[in-house]
Amino acid sequence: GIPVTFRLKQNYPNPFNPETAIQYHLPKTSEVRLIIYNLAGQLVTHLVDEQQHPGVYSVMWDGKDQFGNDVASGVYCIG
């Protein structure tokens, strides 16, 4: 079914090696931007930047930055 609220779920597995899945729910058609930042607030990479229809989605992050380099182990935020 179609979700009733917007929701960003915890990534799985966490911690991860070499990749992790991030699931999110959209109750209506929306512009979706999922961006990974480091704790200094610097952009690491864009995962999603597009309009999407209602539903449940999952995107994989392979632990690489926007240039394809492996990022250091640590804590990262989704914005």
N, C-alpha and C. Protein backbone atom coordinates (compact mmCIF):
# COMPACT_ATOMS: atom_id res chain seq x y z
N GLY A 1 0.81 -1.19 0.00
CA GLY A 1 0.00 0.00 0.00
C GLY A 1 0.85 1.26 0.00
N ILE A 2 0.20 2.34 -0.13
CA ILE A 2 0.85 3.65 -0.13
C ILE A 2 1.03 4.11 1.32
N PRO A 3 2.23 4.55 1.69
CA PRO A 3 2.46 5.03 3.06
C PRO A 3 1.56 6.23 3.38
N VAL A 4 1.27 6.42 4.67
CA VAL A 4 0.43 7.54 5.08
C VAL A 4 1.26 8.73 5.56
N THR A 5 2.56 8.52 5.84
CA THR A 5 3.44 9.60 6.27
C THR A 5 4.80 9.48 5.60
N PHE A 6 5.50 10.61 5.53
CA PHE A 6 6.89 10.59 5.09
C PHE A 6 7.71 9.90 6.17
N ARG A 7 8.68 9.10 5.76
CA ARG A 7 9.49 8.40 6.75
C ARG A 7 10.85 8.05 6.15
N LEU A 8 11.90 8.31 6.92
CA LEU A 8 13.24 7.91 6.57
C LEU A 8 13.67 6.90 7.61
N LYS A 9 13.91 5.67 7.20
CA LYS A 9 14.24 4.60 8.14
C LYS A 9 15.74 4.51 8.37
N GLN A 10 16.11 3.85 9.43
CA GLN A 10 17.52 3.62 9.76
C GLN A 10 18.16 2.78 8.65
N ASN A 11 19.38 3.14 8.28
CA ASN A 11 20.07 2.34 7.27
C ASN A 11 20.37 0.94 7.82
N TYR A 12 20.49 -0.02 6.90
CA TYR A 12 20.75 -1.40 7.29
C TYR A 12 21.70 -2.04 6.28
N PRO A 13 22.72 -2.72 6.65
CA PRO A 13 23.22 -2.87 8.02
C PRO A 13 23.92 -1.60 8.49
N ASN A 14 24.03 -1.47 9.78
CA ASN A 14 24.70 -0.33 10.40
C ASN A 14 25.43 -0.83 11.63
N PRO A 15 26.74 -0.80 11.72
CA PRO A 15 27.66 -0.31 10.70
C PRO A 15 27.68 -1.20 9.46
N PHE A 16 28.21 -0.67 8.38
CA PHE A 16 28.18 -1.41 7.13
C PHE A 16 29.56 -1.54 6.51
N ASN A 17 29.69 -2.55 5.68
CA ASN A 17 30.89 -2.77 4.91
C ASN A 17 30.56 -3.79 3.84
N PRO A 18 30.54 -3.50 2.59
CA PRO A 18 30.93 -2.26 1.94
C PRO A 18 29.76 -1.35 1.56
N GLU A 19 28.51 -1.78 1.78
CA GLU A 19 27.39 -0.90 1.41
C GLU A 19 26.25 -1.04 2.40
N THR A 20 25.32 -0.07 2.33
CA THR A 20 24.17 -0.05 3.22
C THR A 20 22.94 0.40 2.45
N ALA A 21 21.78 -0.08 2.87
CA ALA A 21 20.51 0.29 2.24
C ALA A 21 19.79 1.32 3.11
N ILE A 22 19.22 2.33 2.45
CA ILE A 22 18.45 3.37 3.13
C ILE A 22 17.05 3.34 2.55
N GLN A 23 16.06 3.08 3.39
CA GLN A 23 14.67 2.99 2.95
C GLN A 23 13.92 4.24 3.37
N TYR A 24 13.02 4.69 2.50
CA TYR A 24 12.18 5.85 2.82
C TYR A 24 10.79 5.67 2.21
N HIS A 25 9.82 6.36 2.83
CA HIS A 25 8.41 6.24 2.44
C HIS A 25 7.90 7.59 1.97
N LEU A 26 7.15 7.59 0.88
CA LEU A 26 6.54 8.81 0.35
C LEU A 26 5.03 8.63 0.26
N PRO A 27 4.24 9.46 0.97
CA PRO A 27 2.78 9.34 0.87
C PRO A 27 2.20 10.04 -0.35
N LYS A 28 2.99 10.91 -1.00
CA LYS A 28 2.51 11.61 -2.20
C LYS A 28 3.70 11.89 -3.10
N THR A 29 3.43 12.24 -4.35
CA THR A 29 4.49 12.58 -5.29
C THR A 29 5.28 13.75 -4.73
N SER A 30 6.61 13.61 -4.72
CA SER A 30 7.47 14.59 -4.06
C SER A 30 8.81 14.71 -4.76
N GLU A 31 9.43 15.87 -4.63
CA GLU A 31 10.82 16.05 -5.02
C GLU A 31 11.66 15.44 -3.90
N VAL A 32 12.50 14.49 -4.22
CA VAL A 32 13.28 13.78 -3.21
C VAL A 32 14.76 14.07 -3.43
N ARG A 33 15.43 14.50 -2.36
CA ARG A 33 16.88 14.70 -2.38
C ARG A 33 17.45 14.02 -1.14
N LEU A 34 18.21 12.99 -1.35
CA LEU A 34 18.92 12.33 -0.26
C LEU A 34 20.40 12.59 -0.49
N ILE A 35 21.00 13.31 0.45
CA ILE A 35 22.39 13.72 0.33
C ILE A 35 23.13 13.27 1.58
N ILE A 36 24.31 12.71 1.39
CA ILE A 36 25.14 12.28 2.51
C ILE A 36 26.11 13.41 2.85
N TYR A 37 26.18 13.74 4.15
CA TYR A 37 27.11 14.76 4.66
C TYR A 37 28.00 14.12 5.71
N ASN A 38 29.20 14.66 5.87
CA ASN A 38 30.03 14.24 7.00
C ASN A 38 29.67 15.10 8.21
N LEU A 39 30.27 14.83 9.35
CA LEU A 39 29.90 15.56 10.57
C LEU A 39 30.33 17.02 10.55
N ALA A 40 31.21 17.39 9.63
CA ALA A 40 31.60 18.79 9.47
C ALA A 40 30.60 19.54 8.59
N GLY A 41 29.56 18.82 8.10
CA GLY A 41 28.55 19.44 7.25
C GLY A 41 28.94 19.52 5.79
N GLN A 42 30.02 18.85 5.42
CA GLN A 42 30.47 18.86 4.03
C GLN A 42 29.76 17.80 3.22
N LEU A 43 29.41 18.15 2.00
CA LEU A 43 28.75 17.22 1.10
C LEU A 43 29.68 16.06 0.80
N VAL A 44 29.15 14.84 0.90
CA VAL A 44 29.90 13.64 0.54
C VAL A 44 29.42 13.14 -0.82
N THR A 45 28.10 12.93 -0.96
CA THR A 45 27.55 12.47 -2.24
C THR A 45 26.04 12.65 -2.26
N HIS A 46 25.48 12.69 -3.47
CA HIS A 46 24.03 12.70 -3.68
C HIS A 46 23.59 11.27 -3.97
N LEU A 47 22.56 10.81 -3.29
CA LEU A 47 22.02 9.48 -3.57
C LEU A 47 20.79 9.56 -4.46
N VAL A 48 19.92 10.53 -4.20
CA VAL A 48 18.70 10.71 -4.98
C VAL A 48 18.47 12.19 -5.17
N ASP A 49 18.06 12.59 -6.37
CA ASP A 49 17.69 13.98 -6.65
C ASP A 49 16.71 13.97 -7.81
N GLU A 50 15.44 13.65 -7.50
CA GLU A 50 14.43 13.52 -8.55
C GLU A 50 13.03 13.51 -7.95
N GLN A 51 12.04 13.70 -8.80
CA GLN A 51 10.65 13.58 -8.37
C GLN A 51 10.28 12.09 -8.36
N GLN A 52 9.60 11.67 -7.30
CA GLN A 52 9.18 10.28 -7.19
C GLN A 52 7.72 10.20 -6.78
N HIS A 53 7.07 9.14 -7.21
CA HIS A 53 5.66 8.91 -6.90
C HIS A 53 5.51 8.27 -5.52
N PRO A 54 4.30 8.26 -4.97
CA PRO A 54 4.09 7.65 -3.64
C PRO A 54 4.57 6.19 -3.63
N GLY A 55 5.12 5.79 -2.49
CA GLY A 55 5.56 4.42 -2.36
C GLY A 55 6.68 4.27 -1.36
N VAL A 56 7.22 3.07 -1.31
CA VAL A 56 8.34 2.73 -0.44
C VAL A 56 9.55 2.52 -1.34
N TYR A 57 10.63 3.20 -1.02
CA TYR A 57 11.85 3.16 -1.83
C TYR A 57 13.04 2.73 -0.99
N SER A 58 14.05 2.22 -1.66
CA SER A 58 15.30 1.86 -1.01
C SER A 58 16.43 2.26 -1.95
N VAL A 59 17.46 2.87 -1.39
CA VAL A 59 18.63 3.26 -2.16
C VAL A 59 19.86 2.71 -1.44
N MET A 60 20.85 2.27 -2.21
CA MET A 60 22.08 1.74 -1.66
C MET A 60 23.16 2.83 -1.67
N TRP A 61 23.96 2.87 -0.59
CA TRP A 61 25.15 3.71 -0.57
C TRP A 61 26.35 2.80 -0.40
N ASP A 62 27.30 2.96 -1.29
CA ASP A 62 28.48 2.09 -1.31
C ASP A 62 29.66 2.64 -0.52
N GLY A 63 29.44 3.69 0.28
CA GLY A 63 30.51 4.25 1.10
C GLY A 63 31.52 5.04 0.31
N LYS A 64 31.12 5.55 -0.86
CA LYS A 64 32.01 6.34 -1.69
C LYS A 64 31.52 7.79 -1.76
N ASP A 65 32.46 8.70 -2.00
CA ASP A 65 32.07 10.10 -2.15
C ASP A 65 31.63 10.37 -3.58
N GLN A 66 31.34 11.62 -3.89
CA GLN A 66 30.84 11.98 -5.22
C GLN A 66 31.85 11.78 -6.33
N PHE A 67 33.12 11.55 -5.97
CA PHE A 67 34.17 11.32 -6.96
C PHE A 67 34.55 9.84 -7.07
N GLY A 68 33.85 8.98 -6.32
CA GLY A 68 34.11 7.55 -6.38
C GLY A 68 35.18 7.07 -5.42
N ASN A 69 35.62 7.96 -4.52
CA ASN A 69 36.62 7.58 -3.52
C ASN A 69 35.96 6.99 -2.29
N ASP A 70 36.58 5.99 -1.69
CA ASP A 70 36.09 5.44 -0.43
C ASP A 70 36.17 6.51 0.66
N VAL A 71 35.12 6.64 1.47
CA VAL A 71 35.15 7.58 2.58
C VAL A 71 35.70 6.88 3.82
N ALA A 72 36.20 7.67 4.74
CA ALA A 72 36.73 7.11 5.99
C ALA A 72 35.60 6.54 6.82
N SER A 73 35.91 5.55 7.66
CA SER A 73 34.88 5.03 8.55
C SER A 73 34.50 6.15 9.52
N GLY A 74 33.25 6.16 9.95
CA GLY A 74 32.79 7.21 10.85
C GLY A 74 31.29 7.37 10.79
N VAL A 75 30.82 8.51 11.23
CA VAL A 75 29.40 8.82 11.28
C VAL A 75 29.08 9.79 10.14
N TYR A 76 28.01 9.50 9.41
CA TYR A 76 27.56 10.34 8.32
C TYR A 76 26.08 10.62 8.49
N CYS A 77 25.64 11.75 7.93
CA CYS A 77 24.24 12.18 8.08
C CYS A 77 23.59 12.25 6.71
N ILE A 78 22.28 12.02 6.70
CA ILE A 78 21.49 12.16 5.48
C ILE A 78 20.68 13.43 5.60
N GLY A 79 20.74 14.25 4.58
CA GLY A 79 19.98 15.50 4.57
C GLY A 79 19.15 15.59 3.33
